[in-house]
Amino acid sequence: MTQLPGKPLALISVTDKTGIVDFARSLEQLGFQILSTGGTAKLLAESGVAVTEAGAHTGSPEILDGRVKTLHPKIHGGILYDRTKDAHVAQCREHSIQSIDLVVVNLYQFAAKAVDQQLDLPQAIEYIDIGGPTMLRAAAKNYRFVAPLLDPQDYPRCLMELKAGGLTDEFRRYLAAKTFRAISAYDSMIASYYEKSLEAAPTESLAPSYDLHLESQQELRYGENPHQKARFYRSNLSLRGGLQDARVLQGKELSYNNLLDCDAAVQMVADFPEYTAVTIIKHNNPCGAALGRSADRLLDVYQRALAVDPKSAFGGIIAVNKTIDAETADAMSQLFLECIVAPAFSPEARSVLASKKNLRLLELPYLLPQHSVTAPKQLDIRSVLGGILIQDRDQVRAEKGRWEAVTNLKPTESQAEDLTFAMRLCKHVKSNAIVYVKDLVTVAVGAGQMSRIDSATFAAEKAKEFGRTVQGSVMASDAFFPFRDTVDLAARLGVSAIIQPGGSMRDEESIQAANEHKIAMVFTGVRHFKH
């Protein structure tokens, strides 16, 4: 390898200045000359590090409001030349190009500046980094001779290896791969921002391609079962404030199944921003749920939800869309639970629950009011053999003004409120789904049966087990009734009102049955299958 004469050169230009002064000092002590730009150069100079401005090195000043600073042959030639090729070395000497051995650069914070602040595109483009990715890509391409460092966490290992005699090939390849992965994610985020600025085509709401960029968030003990390995990844498509942003206050690490159940529980309670909502989840389905109005104590709402099926609640997961107080925490501590998710816990509640060392407490930004009321469009992503399925998440909420009363008897105001609750909850229950509700509390839930009437029957039998009855309750179905038999069953059970999507070729038979039994029935026109 032929090396150009002179000290080794490190180019440092960082947005994230974590540890950069100490790192630069250490490089200086190892014999490196420091080349830098703008604010980084100023910081290093003020901290006593000898630094050369990029403009002085290239002989070209920054122009175009800083858009062009490092896009120069003396920079990119110094990064890209192949040290094993005599012709490259000769050309560098001819043009007075010095070797650059380290490229210590991280990118403009497009996510924090443009995405989080929801800037319009003309403003957002000012936070698109050009020089940084260009230098990092060049260094990563020429990794055998130049090390790209974009993460302050890699500074210690870099110094350790330099002090030991030089960077290993393994570390260089690791840095190069990390660089290309980060730039790919950065570009994908910017591409998505451009796409969102376009008017969606009327026939296609999903993009023709997606870059998920899966980044490990947490290694899990195992998957659904001990013989399955698992990790939790955040994605470019991750909703801000979701589980990847949860603050874990105490307890064991979250498991694969915990995360699935937490996700189900959180989505349920988030669908009721106008109420105090409590749901208790077991295996992705609610075993109890209840709503309260502003004057209701959270403790009372929780106890109503728990009373629906206290046996199944054992080992379950609870989600609440309000701050958990001490008295509610005390009641929850009497039950074995895997996890409690809420937008916040009072200090007193945390003190009460601290004795449950293994109980996981999650503060979730998504459950804060500003998230749940105006939730942005979300995507569902699932894998199948040979590919990925992506769809819009079902964010339709049942509303009284959006349904059609199809029977002679119309729902009362209290029935209408129960019907709204029942259908909003029903969309989160595995198909075929039947939900019975009375006085803003689930009476029973039938989930995942192959026959709709089996779901209705099973749920009613489950209610009996705990001395409850569906008499006087309302019924919600996630899809239409193919026959009138479910309506006839509802009448025998004493159901007072039904909400369903409608759309069956035999709808008239179901309407006739409801009229015969003097049951109010409404059609929403929206199916909520959940597979």
Protein backbone atom coordinates (compact mmCIF):
# COMPACT_ATOMS: atom_id res chain seq x y z
CA MET A 1 0.00 0.00 0.00
CA THR A 2 1.35 3.42 -0.94
CA GLN A 3 0.48 6.19 1.52
CA LEU A 4 0.69 9.88 0.70
CA PRO A 5 3.06 11.80 2.98
CA GLY A 6 1.86 13.77 5.97
CA LYS A 7 -0.01 13.18 9.20
CA PRO A 8 -3.10 10.98 9.16
CA LEU A 9 -6.14 13.17 8.70
CA ALA A 10 -9.52 12.92 10.41
CA LEU A 11 -12.42 14.86 8.92
CA ILE A 12 -14.89 15.76 11.68
CA SER A 13 -18.24 17.42 10.97
CA VAL A 14 -21.05 16.41 13.33
CA THR A 15 -24.58 17.46 14.20
CA ASP A 16 -24.59 15.26 17.31
CA LYS A 17 -21.62 16.59 19.24
CA THR A 18 -21.78 13.95 21.99
CA GLY A 19 -18.22 13.18 23.08
CA ILE A 20 -16.70 14.84 20.03
CA VAL A 21 -14.26 17.12 21.87
CA ASP A 22 -12.71 14.28 23.88
CA PHE A 23 -12.61 12.08 20.79
CA ALA A 24 -10.85 14.78 18.74
CA ARG A 25 -8.34 15.40 21.55
CA SER A 26 -7.56 11.67 21.66
CA LEU A 27 -7.07 11.58 17.88
CA GLU A 28 -4.78 14.60 18.12
CA GLN A 29 -2.70 12.79 20.75
CA LEU A 30 -2.46 9.80 18.37
CA GLY A 31 -0.92 12.04 15.72
CA PHE A 32 -3.98 12.93 13.66
CA GLN A 33 -4.50 16.29 12.03
CA ILE A 34 -8.11 17.46 12.44
CA LEU A 35 -10.07 18.84 9.51
CA SER A 36 -13.51 20.28 10.27
CA THR A 37 -16.36 22.56 9.21
CA GLY A 38 -18.69 25.20 10.62
CA GLY A 39 -19.97 24.78 14.16
CA THR A 40 -17.90 21.66 14.78
CA ALA A 41 -14.67 23.48 13.86
CA LYS A 42 -15.62 26.38 16.13
CA LEU A 43 -16.36 24.06 19.08
CA LEU A 44 -13.10 22.14 18.66
CA ALA A 45 -11.04 25.32 18.35
CA GLU A 46 -12.67 26.83 21.44
CA SER A 47 -11.87 23.60 23.30
CA GLY A 48 -8.18 23.85 22.46
CA VAL A 49 -8.05 21.30 19.64
CA ALA A 50 -5.87 22.28 16.69
CA VAL A 51 -8.22 22.27 13.73
CA THR A 52 -8.07 23.21 10.05
CA GLU A 53 -11.21 24.57 8.40
CA ALA A 54 -12.36 22.63 5.32
CA GLY A 55 -12.35 25.84 3.28
CA ALA A 56 -8.70 26.48 4.12
CA HIS A 57 -7.84 22.87 3.23
CA THR A 58 -9.56 22.94 -0.16
CA GLY A 59 -8.89 26.58 -1.01
CA SER A 60 -12.62 26.98 -1.66
CA PRO A 61 -14.93 28.79 0.78
CA GLU A 62 -18.37 27.57 1.82
CA ILE A 63 -20.95 28.84 -0.69
CA LEU A 64 -24.71 28.80 -1.26
CA ASP A 65 -25.59 29.31 2.42
CA GLY A 66 -23.49 26.30 3.39
CA ARG A 67 -25.02 23.91 0.85
CA VAL A 68 -21.55 23.43 -0.62
CA LYS A 69 -18.80 22.96 1.95
CA THR A 70 -17.08 19.62 1.45
CA LEU A 71 -18.06 18.76 -2.14
CA HIS A 72 -14.53 19.19 -3.46
CA PRO A 73 -11.87 16.89 -5.05
CA LYS A 74 -9.47 17.54 -2.17
CA ILE A 75 -12.05 16.08 0.18
CA HIS A 76 -13.46 13.25 -1.90
CA GLY A 77 -10.17 12.43 -3.58
CA GLY A 78 -8.58 12.09 -0.16
CA ILE A 79 -11.36 9.72 0.90
CA LEU A 80 -11.82 7.68 -2.26
CA TYR A 81 -8.38 7.03 -3.68
CA ASP A 82 -7.24 3.40 -3.65
CA ARG A 83 -4.01 3.26 -1.67
CA THR A 84 -2.90 0.15 -3.60
CA LYS A 85 -3.02 1.82 -7.03
CA ASP A 86 0.04 3.80 -8.09
CA ALA A 87 -2.02 5.78 -10.60
CA HIS A 88 -4.38 6.94 -7.85
CA VAL A 89 -1.45 7.95 -5.65
CA ALA A 90 0.19 9.83 -8.51
CA GLN A 91 -2.98 11.75 -9.34
CA CYS A 92 -3.42 12.72 -5.70
CA ARG A 93 0.15 14.03 -5.56
CA GLU A 94 -0.40 15.93 -8.81
CA HIS A 95 -3.47 17.67 -7.37
CA SER A 96 -2.08 18.12 -3.83
CA ILE A 97 -4.68 15.78 -2.33
CA GLN A 98 -3.97 14.56 1.20
CA SER A 99 -5.14 11.21 2.58
CA ILE A 100 -8.25 11.31 4.75
CA ASP A 101 -8.27 8.29 7.06
CA LEU A 102 -11.29 8.90 9.30
CA VAL A 103 -14.63 10.46 8.33
CA VAL A 104 -16.41 11.38 11.55
CA VAL A 105 -19.76 12.67 10.37
CA ASN A 106 -23.39 12.39 11.38
CA LEU A 107 -26.35 13.72 9.48
CA TYR A 108 -28.63 16.71 9.71
CA GLN A 109 -31.50 15.73 12.00
CA PHE A 110 -34.24 15.57 9.39
CA ALA A 111 -36.53 13.60 11.72
CA ALA A 112 -36.25 16.05 14.61
CA LYS A 113 -36.34 19.19 12.52
CA ALA A 114 -38.65 18.43 9.61
CA VAL A 115 -40.75 15.37 10.51
CA ASP A 116 -41.48 16.18 14.15
CA GLN A 117 -42.25 19.82 13.37
CA GLN A 118 -44.32 18.81 10.30
CA LEU A 119 -42.66 21.40 8.10
CA ASP A 120 -43.89 21.87 4.57
CA LEU A 121 -41.60 20.54 1.86
CA PRO A 122 -39.87 23.84 0.93
CA GLN A 123 -38.91 24.29 4.60
CA ALA A 124 -38.10 20.61 5.17
CA ILE A 125 -35.55 20.41 2.35
CA GLU A 126 -33.21 22.71 4.25
CA TYR A 127 -32.68 19.84 6.69
CA ILE A 128 -31.68 17.35 3.99
CA ASP A 129 -27.98 16.58 4.33
CA ILE A 130 -26.00 16.32 1.10
CA GLY A 131 -22.35 16.55 2.06
CA GLY A 132 -22.61 14.25 5.08
CA PRO A 133 -24.09 11.22 3.28
CA THR A 134 -21.74 11.80 0.35
CA MET A 135 -18.63 11.71 2.53
CA LEU A 136 -19.89 8.77 4.57
CA ARG A 137 -20.78 6.76 1.46
CA ALA A 138 -17.36 7.46 -0.01
CA ALA A 139 -15.63 6.35 3.19
CA ALA A 140 -17.79 3.23 3.45
CA LYS A 141 -17.03 2.32 -0.15
CA ASN A 142 -13.30 2.71 0.52
CA TYR A 143 -13.58 1.02 3.94
CA ARG A 144 -10.28 -0.84 3.60
CA PHE A 145 -8.45 2.47 4.02
CA VAL A 146 -11.00 4.95 5.42
CA ALA A 147 -13.26 4.47 8.44
CA PRO A 148 -16.70 6.11 8.49
CA LEU A 149 -17.90 6.94 12.02
CA LEU A 150 -21.45 8.26 12.33
CA ASP A 151 -22.29 7.01 15.83
CA PRO A 152 -20.60 8.38 18.98
CA GLN A 153 -20.97 4.93 20.55
CA ASP A 154 -18.28 3.69 18.16
CA TYR A 155 -15.66 6.25 19.29
CA PRO A 156 -14.27 4.17 22.20
CA ARG A 157 -13.63 1.07 20.10
CA CYS A 158 -12.08 3.20 17.36
CA LEU A 159 -9.61 4.73 19.83
CA MET A 160 -8.87 1.36 21.42
CA GLU A 161 -7.98 -0.21 18.07
CA LEU A 162 -5.96 2.80 16.92
CA LYS A 163 -3.93 2.63 20.13
CA ALA A 164 -3.42 -1.10 19.54
CA GLY A 165 -1.87 -0.47 16.14
CA GLY A 166 -4.73 0.21 13.71
CA LEU A 167 -8.34 -0.51 12.91
CA THR A 168 -9.15 -4.15 12.24
CA ASP A 169 -10.78 -5.23 9.00
CA GLU A 170 -13.75 -6.57 10.98
CA PHE A 171 -14.37 -3.17 12.60
CA ARG A 172 -14.00 -1.39 9.27
CA ARG A 173 -16.60 -3.66 7.64
CA TYR A 174 -18.91 -3.18 10.62
CA LEU A 175 -18.65 0.62 10.29
CA ALA A 176 -19.22 0.49 6.53
CA ALA A 177 -22.32 -1.69 6.85
CA LYS A 178 -23.69 0.52 9.62
CA THR A 179 -23.11 3.58 7.45
CA PHE A 180 -24.91 2.26 4.39
CA ARG A 181 -27.80 1.05 6.57
CA ALA A 182 -28.15 4.46 8.24
CA ILE A 183 -28.00 6.38 4.97
CA SER A 184 -30.57 4.05 3.43
CA ALA A 185 -32.95 4.74 6.33
CA TYR A 186 -32.27 8.47 6.11
CA ASP A 187 -33.01 8.58 2.38
CA SER A 188 -36.13 6.45 2.84
CA MET A 189 -37.46 8.86 5.47
CA ILE A 190 -36.92 11.78 3.11
CA ALA A 191 -38.52 9.91 0.20
CA SER A 192 -41.59 9.27 2.36
CA TYR A 193 -41.75 12.98 3.19
CA TYR A 194 -41.77 13.85 -0.50
CA GLU A 195 -44.45 11.23 -1.18
CA LYS A 196 -46.66 12.56 1.60
CA SER A 197 -46.50 16.01 0.01
CA LEU A 198 -48.23 14.64 -3.08
CA GLU A 199 -51.99 14.27 -3.36
CA ALA A 200 -52.81 10.58 -2.98
CA ALA A 201 -54.03 8.91 -6.13
CA PRO A 202 -57.78 8.22 -5.83
CA THR A 203 -57.39 4.52 -6.60
CA GLU A 204 -54.26 3.78 -4.60
CA SER A 205 -53.55 4.94 -1.05
CA LEU A 206 -50.56 2.66 -0.43
CA ALA A 207 -47.15 3.36 -1.91
CA PRO A 208 -45.85 0.96 -4.60
CA SER A 209 -42.82 0.23 -2.40
CA TYR A 210 -41.75 0.61 1.22
CA ASP A 211 -38.37 0.54 2.92
CA LEU A 212 -39.08 -0.80 6.40
CA HIS A 213 -35.50 -0.40 7.68
CA LEU A 214 -35.91 -2.65 10.70
CA GLU A 215 -33.70 -1.53 13.58
CA SER A 216 -33.40 -3.71 16.66
CA GLN A 217 -35.16 -2.19 19.64
CA GLN A 218 -34.90 -5.08 22.08
CA GLU A 219 -33.77 -8.70 22.13
CA LEU A 220 -36.55 -10.88 23.54
CA ARG A 221 -36.05 -14.00 25.64
CA TYR A 222 -37.95 -15.99 23.01
CA GLY A 223 -40.93 -15.73 20.70
CA GLU A 224 -44.43 -17.11 21.19
CA ASN A 225 -42.79 -20.30 22.48
CA PRO A 226 -39.39 -21.02 24.07
CA HIS A 227 -38.01 -22.74 20.96
CA GLN A 228 -38.57 -19.58 18.84
CA LYS A 229 -36.04 -16.75 18.79
CA ALA A 230 -37.42 -13.20 18.67
CA ARG A 231 -36.52 -9.51 18.63
CA PHE A 232 -38.53 -6.30 18.72
CA TYR A 233 -37.66 -3.93 15.87
CA ARG A 234 -38.62 -0.36 15.19
CA SER A 235 -39.30 0.50 11.56
CA ASN A 236 -39.36 3.52 9.29
CA LEU A 237 -43.13 3.07 9.41
CA SER A 238 -43.33 2.92 13.21
CA LEU A 239 -45.97 5.25 14.59
CA ARG A 240 -44.43 7.87 16.87
CA GLY A 241 -45.50 7.34 20.44
CA GLY A 242 -46.06 3.61 19.89
CA LEU A 243 -44.62 0.72 21.87
CA GLN A 244 -41.11 1.46 20.64
CA ASP A 245 -41.37 4.78 22.52
CA ALA A 246 -42.87 3.33 25.70
CA ARG A 247 -41.16 4.20 28.96
CA VAL A 248 -40.78 1.02 31.01
CA LEU A 249 -41.02 2.10 34.65
CA GLN A 250 -40.47 -1.28 36.30
CA GLY A 251 -40.72 -5.03 35.85
CA LYS A 252 -39.19 -7.78 33.79
CA GLU A 253 -38.30 -7.27 30.16
CA LEU A 254 -41.26 -7.39 27.82
CA SER A 255 -41.79 -10.67 26.00
CA TYR A 256 -43.00 -11.28 22.45
CA ASN A 257 -46.49 -12.18 23.68
CA ASN A 258 -46.53 -9.23 26.09
CA LEU A 259 -45.90 -6.85 23.19
CA LEU A 260 -48.68 -8.38 21.10
CA ASP A 261 -51.15 -8.15 23.98
CA CYS A 262 -50.07 -4.62 24.91
CA ASP A 263 -50.59 -3.56 21.30
CA ALA A 264 -54.10 -5.03 21.28
CA ALA A 265 -55.00 -3.46 24.63
CA VAL A 266 -53.65 -0.03 23.73
CA GLN A 267 -55.51 0.12 20.42
CA MET A 268 -58.76 -0.74 22.17
CA VAL A 269 -58.65 1.95 24.83
CA ALA A 270 -57.33 4.51 22.36
CA ASP A 271 -60.61 4.16 20.46
CA PHE A 272 -62.50 5.82 23.34
CA PRO A 273 -60.91 9.27 23.80
CA GLU A 274 -64.19 10.76 25.05
CA TYR A 275 -64.41 8.26 27.93
CA THR A 276 -62.29 6.80 30.68
CA ALA A 277 -61.55 3.38 29.17
CA VAL A 278 -60.20 0.21 30.77
CA THR A 279 -59.60 -3.08 28.98
CA ILE A 280 -58.16 -6.35 30.25
CA ILE A 281 -56.55 -8.48 27.54
CA LYS A 282 -55.76 -12.16 27.35
CA HIS A 283 -54.31 -13.62 24.16
CA ASN A 284 -55.14 -10.54 22.09
CA ASN A 285 -58.84 -10.54 23.02
CA PRO A 286 -60.66 -8.57 25.73
CA CYS A 287 -61.87 -10.60 28.69
CA GLY A 288 -63.34 -7.43 30.16
CA ALA A 289 -63.76 -3.78 29.20
CA ALA A 290 -65.64 -0.83 30.62
CA LEU A 291 -66.11 2.88 30.01
CA GLY A 292 -66.62 5.71 32.45
CA ARG A 293 -67.62 9.33 32.14
CA SER A 294 -65.54 12.22 33.42
CA ALA A 295 -67.14 12.12 36.88
CA ASP A 296 -66.51 8.39 37.35
CA ARG A 297 -63.61 7.16 39.45
CA LEU A 298 -61.04 5.15 37.53
CA LEU A 299 -61.23 2.52 40.25
CA ASP A 300 -64.95 1.98 39.58
CA VAL A 301 -64.37 1.61 35.83
CA TYR A 302 -61.56 -0.89 36.45
CA GLN A 303 -63.67 -2.95 38.86
CA ARG A 304 -66.53 -3.10 36.34
CA ALA A 305 -64.13 -4.35 33.67
CA LEU A 306 -62.60 -6.94 36.00
CA ALA A 307 -65.98 -8.31 37.11
CA VAL A 308 -66.79 -9.40 33.54
CA ASP A 309 -64.38 -12.35 33.65
CA PRO A 310 -62.06 -12.29 36.69
CA LYS A 311 -60.85 -15.83 36.01
CA SER A 312 -59.50 -15.00 32.55
CA ALA A 313 -58.07 -11.71 33.81
CA PHE A 314 -55.50 -13.66 35.84
CA GLY A 315 -52.15 -13.18 34.10
CA GLY A 316 -53.62 -10.61 31.75
CA ILE A 317 -52.62 -7.17 30.52
CA ILE A 318 -54.48 -3.98 31.41
CA ALA A 319 -54.57 -0.79 29.35
CA VAL A 320 -56.06 2.48 30.60
CA ASN A 321 -56.32 5.80 28.78
CA LYS A 322 -56.07 7.94 31.93
CA THR A 323 -53.43 8.47 34.61
CA ILE A 324 -53.48 5.61 37.10
CA ASP A 325 -54.02 6.79 40.67
CA ALA A 326 -53.12 5.16 43.98
CA GLU A 327 -56.49 3.57 44.78
CA THR A 328 -56.74 1.99 41.34
CA ALA A 329 -53.13 0.81 41.58
CA ASP A 330 -53.90 -0.78 44.95
CA ALA A 331 -56.83 -2.70 43.46
CA MET A 332 -54.76 -3.80 40.47
CA SER A 333 -51.99 -5.01 42.77
CA GLN A 334 -54.38 -7.61 44.21
CA LEU A 335 -54.45 -9.43 40.86
CA PHE A 336 -51.59 -11.25 39.13
CA LEU A 337 -50.95 -9.23 35.97
CA GLU A 338 -48.25 -9.27 33.34
CA CYS A 339 -48.36 -5.59 32.43
CA ILE A 340 -50.21 -2.31 32.96
CA VAL A 341 -50.12 0.30 30.20
CA ALA A 342 -51.25 3.90 30.72
CA PRO A 343 -50.35 7.42 29.57
CA ALA A 344 -49.05 8.10 33.11
CA PHE A 345 -48.87 6.77 36.67
CA SER A 346 -49.13 9.04 39.69
CA PRO A 347 -46.14 8.93 42.09
CA GLU A 348 -48.43 7.32 44.68
CA ALA A 349 -49.53 4.66 42.19
CA ARG A 350 -45.92 3.84 41.36
CA SER A 351 -45.14 3.52 45.05
CA VAL A 352 -48.06 1.09 45.51
CA LEU A 353 -47.04 -1.04 42.52
CA ALA A 354 -43.32 -1.03 43.34
CA SER A 355 -43.77 -4.10 45.54
CA LYS A 356 -44.76 -6.09 42.41
CA LYS A 357 -41.19 -6.41 41.17
CA ASN A 358 -42.02 -8.44 38.05
CA LEU A 359 -45.09 -6.41 37.04
CA ARG A 360 -44.29 -4.33 33.98
CA LEU A 361 -45.48 -0.72 34.01
CA LEU A 362 -45.45 1.10 30.68
CA GLU A 363 -46.03 4.80 30.11
CA LEU A 364 -47.10 5.12 26.50
CA PRO A 365 -47.13 8.46 24.63
CA TYR A 366 -49.70 7.12 22.14
CA LEU A 367 -52.34 7.08 24.89
CA LEU A 368 -51.98 10.79 25.58
CA PRO A 369 -55.07 12.71 24.42
CA GLN A 370 -53.41 14.45 21.50
CA HIS A 371 -52.46 11.07 20.03
CA SER A 372 -55.71 9.22 20.57
CA VAL A 373 -58.05 11.97 19.38
CA THR A 374 -56.21 12.81 16.18
CA ALA A 375 -54.35 9.58 15.47
CA PRO A 376 -52.47 9.79 12.16
CA LYS A 377 -52.98 7.21 9.47
CA GLN A 378 -51.42 3.91 10.44
CA LEU A 379 -50.45 0.75 8.58
CA ASP A 380 -50.79 -2.92 9.49
CA ILE A 381 -47.80 -5.02 8.44
CA ARG A 382 -47.78 -8.81 8.60
CA SER A 383 -45.62 -11.49 7.10
CA VAL A 384 -46.75 -14.52 5.13
CA LEU A 385 -44.72 -17.26 3.49
CA GLY A 386 -42.99 -15.52 0.62
CA GLY A 387 -43.91 -11.92 1.32
CA ILE A 388 -45.26 -9.05 3.37
CA LEU A 389 -48.88 -7.90 3.60
CA ILE A 390 -49.52 -4.20 4.18
CA GLN A 391 -52.92 -2.60 4.68
CA ASP A 392 -54.39 0.54 6.20
CA ARG A 393 -55.08 -0.05 9.88
CA ASP A 394 -58.79 -0.18 10.70
CA GLN A 395 -59.23 3.26 12.29
CA VAL A 396 -62.96 3.62 11.62
CA ARG A 397 -64.87 4.31 14.83
CA ALA A 398 -68.57 3.54 15.14
CA GLU A 399 -70.55 6.76 15.57
CA LYS A 400 -74.28 7.16 16.13
CA GLY A 401 -74.69 9.59 13.24
CA ARG A 402 -73.10 7.19 10.78
CA TRP A 403 -75.42 4.22 11.06
CA GLU A 404 -78.88 3.43 9.71
CA ALA A 405 -81.71 2.22 11.95
CA VAL A 406 -83.34 -0.51 9.83
CA THR A 407 -86.05 -1.81 12.19
CA ASN A 408 -89.38 -0.41 13.31
CA LEU A 409 -88.03 0.00 16.84
CA LYS A 410 -85.21 2.55 17.13
CA PRO A 411 -82.44 2.45 19.77
CA THR A 412 -82.85 4.60 22.86
CA GLU A 413 -80.12 7.09 23.78
CA SER A 414 -78.60 4.72 26.34
CA GLN A 415 -78.78 1.81 23.89
CA ALA A 416 -77.11 3.95 21.22
CA GLU A 417 -74.21 4.65 23.58
CA ASP A 418 -73.87 0.95 24.39
CA LEU A 419 -74.07 0.07 20.68
CA THR A 420 -71.25 2.51 19.93
CA PHE A 421 -69.08 0.96 22.66
CA ALA A 422 -69.90 -2.58 21.56
CA MET A 423 -69.01 -2.01 17.91
CA ARG A 424 -65.82 -0.06 18.60
CA LEU A 425 -64.68 -2.90 20.84
CA CYS A 426 -65.89 -5.57 18.43
CA LYS A 427 -63.49 -4.45 15.71
CA HIS A 428 -60.58 -5.40 17.99
CA VAL A 429 -61.89 -8.92 18.66
CA LYS A 430 -60.81 -11.87 16.54
CA SER A 431 -63.44 -12.90 13.97
CA ASN A 432 -66.03 -14.22 14.16
CA ALA A 433 -66.69 -11.65 16.88
CA ILE A 434 -69.76 -11.04 19.02
CA VAL A 435 -69.76 -8.53 21.89
CA TYR A 436 -72.53 -8.01 24.45
CA VAL A 437 -72.58 -4.67 26.32
CA LYS A 438 -74.82 -3.16 28.98
CA ASP A 439 -74.35 0.17 30.75
CA LEU A 440 -70.94 0.74 29.11
CA VAL A 441 -69.55 -2.58 30.38
CA THR A 442 -68.91 -5.73 28.40
CA VAL A 443 -71.23 -8.50 29.56
CA ALA A 444 -69.51 -11.13 27.45
CA VAL A 445 -67.21 -11.48 24.43
CA GLY A 446 -67.27 -14.27 21.83
CA ALA A 447 -64.06 -14.42 19.80
CA GLY A 448 -62.48 -16.48 17.08
CA GLN A 449 -65.17 -19.09 16.50
CA MET A 450 -65.68 -20.59 13.06
CA SER A 451 -69.42 -19.86 13.23
CA ARG A 452 -70.93 -16.50 14.19
CA ILE A 453 -73.79 -18.11 16.08
CA ASP A 454 -71.23 -20.21 17.99
CA SER A 455 -69.49 -16.98 19.06
CA ALA A 456 -72.82 -15.57 20.24
CA THR A 457 -73.69 -18.76 22.13
CA PHE A 458 -70.26 -19.20 23.69
CA ALA A 459 -70.20 -15.60 24.98
CA ALA A 460 -73.64 -15.94 26.56
CA GLU A 461 -72.62 -19.18 28.28
CA LYS A 462 -69.44 -17.51 29.52
CA ALA A 463 -71.52 -14.76 31.14
CA LYS A 464 -73.55 -17.35 33.04
CA GLU A 465 -70.36 -18.74 34.57
CA PHE A 466 -69.96 -15.54 36.57
CA GLY A 467 -73.63 -15.07 37.38
CA ARG A 468 -74.15 -12.54 34.63
CA THR A 469 -76.81 -12.43 31.95
CA VAL A 470 -77.01 -10.85 28.53
CA GLN A 471 -80.66 -10.04 29.24
CA GLY A 472 -81.21 -6.37 28.35
CA SER A 473 -77.78 -5.97 26.77
CA VAL A 474 -76.95 -4.89 23.22
CA MET A 475 -75.12 -7.12 20.74
CA ALA A 476 -72.44 -6.15 18.23
CA SER A 477 -71.24 -8.31 15.33
CA ASP A 478 -68.11 -7.55 13.34
CA ALA A 479 -69.73 -8.76 10.10
CA PHE A 480 -73.21 -9.30 8.71
CA PHE A 481 -75.53 -12.13 9.72
CA PRO A 482 -75.74 -14.65 6.86
CA PHE A 483 -78.98 -16.01 8.32
CA ARG A 484 -81.57 -14.84 10.82
CA ASP A 485 -80.52 -17.48 13.37
CA THR A 486 -78.26 -15.09 15.31
CA VAL A 487 -81.11 -12.60 15.66
CA ASP A 488 -83.40 -15.38 16.86
CA LEU A 489 -80.76 -16.44 19.39
CA ALA A 490 -80.39 -12.82 20.54
CA ALA A 491 -84.15 -12.67 21.15
CA ARG A 492 -84.10 -15.86 23.24
CA LEU A 493 -81.28 -14.38 25.30
CA GLY A 494 -83.16 -11.11 25.87
CA VAL A 495 -80.93 -8.82 23.80
CA SER A 496 -82.53 -5.39 23.37
CA ALA A 497 -80.62 -3.97 20.38
CA ILE A 498 -78.17 -5.13 17.72
CA ILE A 499 -75.49 -3.36 15.71
CA GLN A 500 -74.02 -5.02 12.64
CA PRO A 501 -72.57 -3.96 9.28
CA GLY A 502 -75.36 -5.33 7.09
CA GLY A 503 -74.69 -6.30 3.49
CA SER A 504 -75.97 -9.89 3.44
CA MET A 505 -78.23 -11.08 0.65
CA ARG A 506 -80.55 -12.16 3.50
CA ASP A 507 -80.53 -8.84 5.39
CA GLU A 508 -84.31 -8.60 5.02
CA GLU A 509 -84.71 -11.90 6.89
CA SER A 510 -82.63 -10.54 9.80
CA ILE A 511 -84.59 -7.27 9.79
CA GLN A 512 -87.87 -9.20 9.76
CA ALA A 513 -86.67 -11.33 12.69
CA ALA A 514 -85.69 -8.24 14.68
CA ASN A 515 -89.09 -6.65 14.01
CA GLU A 516 -90.85 -9.84 15.08
CA HIS A 517 -88.89 -9.91 18.33
CA LYS A 518 -89.16 -6.14 18.88
CA ILE A 519 -85.38 -5.69 18.82
CA ALA A 520 -83.87 -2.44 17.58
CA MET A 521 -81.22 -3.05 14.92
CA VAL A 522 -78.84 -0.68 13.13
CA PHE A 523 -76.54 -1.17 10.13
CA THR A 524 -73.16 0.57 10.06
CA GLY A 525 -72.14 -0.37 6.52
CA VAL A 526 -68.60 -1.08 7.78
CA ARG A 527 -67.26 -4.60 8.36
CA HIS A 528 -64.53 -5.13 10.97
CA PHE A 529 -63.00 -8.57 10.34
CA LYS A 530 -59.85 -9.15 12.35
CA HIS A 531 -57.79 -12.22 11.42
